[in-house]
């Protein structure tokens, strides 16, 4: 169902945002290695979010 697909995409977008915020906090403290690790996590979440967004969009289109 499209609702579940959109919800899953939103969860991954939220995880990406959280990782980006954490990376920014680490950079602000001069903890660049930790910031890089969080940035890498954020990229992974963003990629997964995009994939789930594409699925959600396709499912929404098929419901028309």
N, C-alpha and C. Protein backbone atom coordinates (compact mmCIF):
# COMPACT_ATOMS: atom_id res chain seq x y z
N UNK A 1 0.83 -1.18 0.00
CA UNK A 1 0.00 0.00 0.00
C UNK A 1 0.88 1.25 0.00
N UNK A 2 0.43 2.27 -0.65
CA UNK A 2 1.22 3.50 -0.71
C UNK A 2 1.50 4.12 0.66
N UNK A 3 0.53 4.02 1.60
CA UNK A 3 0.74 4.64 2.91
C UNK A 3 1.98 4.09 3.60
N UNK A 4 2.12 2.76 3.61
CA UNK A 4 3.27 2.14 4.26
C UNK A 4 4.57 2.52 3.56
N UNK A 5 4.53 2.59 2.25
CA UNK A 5 5.73 2.96 1.49
C UNK A 5 6.15 4.40 1.81
N UNK A 6 5.18 5.30 1.90
CA UNK A 6 5.49 6.69 2.23
C UNK A 6 6.01 6.80 3.67
N UNK A 7 5.43 6.02 4.57
CA UNK A 7 5.87 6.04 5.96
C UNK A 7 7.31 5.56 6.08
N UNK A 8 7.64 4.51 5.36
CA UNK A 8 9.01 3.98 5.39
C UNK A 8 9.98 5.01 4.82
N UNK A 9 9.62 5.66 3.75
CA UNK A 9 10.48 6.70 3.17
C UNK A 9 10.68 7.83 4.17
N UNK A 10 9.61 8.24 4.84
CA UNK A 10 9.70 9.32 5.82
C UNK A 10 10.63 8.94 6.97
N UNK A 11 10.56 7.70 7.43
CA UNK A 11 11.45 7.26 8.51
C UNK A 11 12.91 7.39 8.12
N UNK A 12 13.22 7.00 6.89
CA UNK A 12 14.61 7.10 6.43
C UNK A 12 15.04 8.55 6.25
N UNK A 13 14.14 9.40 5.79
CA UNK A 13 14.45 10.83 5.68
C UNK A 13 14.74 11.41 7.07
N UNK A 14 13.93 11.02 8.05
CA UNK A 14 14.13 11.50 9.42
C UNK A 14 15.47 11.01 9.98
N UNK A 15 15.82 9.75 9.71
CA UNK A 15 17.11 9.23 10.17
C UNK A 15 18.28 9.97 9.52
N UNK A 16 18.12 10.29 8.25
CA UNK A 16 19.17 11.05 7.56
C UNK A 16 19.32 12.43 8.18
N UNK A 17 18.20 13.08 8.46
CA UNK A 17 18.25 14.41 9.07
C UNK A 17 18.91 14.35 10.45
N UNK A 18 18.58 13.34 11.22
CA UNK A 18 19.17 13.18 12.55
C UNK A 18 20.69 13.01 12.44
N UNK A 19 21.13 12.18 11.51
CA UNK A 19 22.56 11.98 11.32
C UNK A 19 23.26 13.25 10.85
N UNK A 20 22.61 14.00 9.98
CA UNK A 20 23.19 15.27 9.53
C UNK A 20 23.34 16.25 10.70
N UNK A 21 22.31 16.33 11.56
CA UNK A 21 22.40 17.21 12.73
C UNK A 21 23.52 16.77 13.67
N UNK A 22 23.64 15.48 13.88
CA UNK A 22 24.70 14.96 14.74
C UNK A 22 26.07 15.27 14.15
N UNK A 23 26.20 15.11 12.85
CA UNK A 23 27.46 15.43 12.19
C UNK A 23 27.80 16.91 12.37
N UNK A 24 26.81 17.77 12.25
CA UNK A 24 27.04 19.20 12.43
C UNK A 24 27.49 19.51 13.86
N UNK A 25 26.89 18.84 14.83
CA UNK A 25 27.30 19.04 16.22
C UNK A 25 28.75 18.63 16.44
N UNK A 26 29.12 17.49 15.87
CA UNK A 26 30.51 17.03 16.01
C UNK A 26 31.49 18.00 15.34
N UNK A 27 31.12 18.49 14.17
CA UNK A 27 31.99 19.47 13.49
C UNK A 27 32.15 20.72 14.35
N UNK A 28 31.05 21.14 14.97
CA UNK A 28 31.10 22.32 15.83
C UNK A 28 32.02 22.15 17.02
N UNK A 29 32.19 20.91 17.46
CA UNK A 29 33.06 20.61 18.60
C UNK A 29 34.48 20.27 18.16
N UNK A 30 34.71 20.30 16.85
CA UNK A 30 36.04 19.96 16.32
C UNK A 30 36.29 18.46 16.25
N UNK A 31 35.24 17.68 16.39
CA UNK A 31 35.35 16.22 16.34
C UNK A 31 35.10 15.75 14.91
N UNK A 32 36.08 15.97 14.05
CA UNK A 32 35.88 15.77 12.63
C UNK A 32 35.77 14.31 12.22
N UNK A 33 36.44 13.41 12.93
CA UNK A 33 36.33 11.99 12.59
C UNK A 33 34.91 11.50 12.88
N UNK A 34 34.39 11.86 14.06
CA UNK A 34 33.02 11.48 14.40
C UNK A 34 32.03 12.12 13.43
N UNK A 35 32.30 13.36 13.04
CA UNK A 35 31.42 14.05 12.09
C UNK A 35 31.41 13.32 10.76
N UNK A 36 32.58 12.88 10.32
CA UNK A 36 32.65 12.15 9.05
C UNK A 36 31.87 10.84 9.13
N UNK A 37 31.98 10.15 10.25
CA UNK A 37 31.24 8.90 10.43
C UNK A 37 29.74 9.14 10.35
N UNK A 38 29.27 10.19 11.01
CA UNK A 38 27.85 10.52 10.97
C UNK A 38 27.41 10.96 9.57
N UNK A 39 28.28 11.67 8.87
CA UNK A 39 27.97 12.08 7.50
C UNK A 39 27.81 10.86 6.60
N UNK A 40 28.65 9.87 6.82
CA UNK A 40 28.55 8.63 6.05
C UNK A 40 27.23 7.92 6.34
N UNK A 41 26.84 7.88 7.62
CA UNK A 41 25.53 7.31 7.98
C UNK A 41 24.41 8.08 7.30
N UNK A 42 24.51 9.39 7.33
CA UNK A 42 23.48 10.24 6.73
C UNK A 42 23.34 9.94 5.24
N UNK A 43 24.45 9.78 4.56
CA UNK A 43 24.40 9.47 3.13
C UNK A 43 23.69 8.14 2.88
N UNK A 44 23.97 7.16 3.72
CA UNK A 44 23.31 5.86 3.58
C UNK A 44 21.81 5.98 3.78
N UNK A 45 21.42 6.72 4.82
CA UNK A 45 19.99 6.91 5.06
C UNK A 45 19.34 7.68 3.91
N UNK A 46 20.05 8.67 3.39
CA UNK A 46 19.51 9.46 2.28
C UNK A 46 19.30 8.59 1.04
N UNK A 47 20.27 7.72 0.77
CA UNK A 47 20.15 6.83 -0.39
C UNK A 47 18.95 5.90 -0.22
N UNK A 48 18.83 5.32 0.97
CA UNK A 48 17.71 4.42 1.24
C UNK A 48 16.39 5.17 1.18
N UNK A 49 16.38 6.39 1.71
CA UNK A 49 15.16 7.20 1.66
C UNK A 49 14.74 7.45 0.23
N UNK A 50 15.70 7.74 -0.61
CA UNK A 50 15.40 8.00 -2.03
C UNK A 50 14.78 6.76 -2.68
N UNK A 51 15.36 5.60 -2.37
CA UNK A 51 14.85 4.36 -2.94
C UNK A 51 13.41 4.12 -2.48
N UNK A 52 13.15 4.32 -1.20
CA UNK A 52 11.80 4.13 -0.68
C UNK A 52 10.84 5.20 -1.23
N UNK A 53 11.34 6.40 -1.45
CA UNK A 53 10.50 7.46 -2.04
C UNK A 53 10.09 7.09 -3.45
N UNK A 54 11.02 6.52 -4.20
CA UNK A 54 10.70 6.10 -5.57
C UNK A 54 9.63 5.01 -5.57
N UNK A 55 9.77 4.05 -4.64
CA UNK A 55 8.77 2.98 -4.53
C UNK A 55 7.41 3.57 -4.15
N UNK A 56 7.41 4.46 -3.16
CA UNK A 56 6.16 5.07 -2.71
C UNK A 56 5.50 5.84 -3.85
N UNK A 57 6.30 6.57 -4.60
CA UNK A 57 5.76 7.34 -5.71
C UNK A 57 5.14 6.40 -6.76
N UNK A 58 5.85 5.33 -7.07
CA UNK A 58 5.34 4.38 -8.05
C UNK A 58 4.03 3.75 -7.58
N UNK A 59 3.98 3.39 -6.29
CA UNK A 59 2.75 2.80 -5.76
C UNK A 59 1.61 3.81 -5.79
N UNK A 60 1.91 5.06 -5.50
CA UNK A 60 0.87 6.10 -5.53
C UNK A 60 0.35 6.29 -6.96
N UNK A 61 1.26 6.25 -7.92
CA UNK A 61 0.86 6.42 -9.31
C UNK A 61 -0.02 5.27 -9.78
N UNK A 62 0.27 4.06 -9.29
CA UNK A 62 -0.51 2.90 -9.73
C UNK A 62 -1.91 2.89 -9.12
N UNK A 63 -2.13 3.68 -8.10
CA UNK A 63 -3.44 3.75 -7.44
C UNK A 63 -4.41 4.68 -8.15
N UNK A 64 -3.93 5.45 -9.10
CA UNK A 64 -4.79 6.42 -9.79
C UNK A 64 -5.79 5.73 -10.68
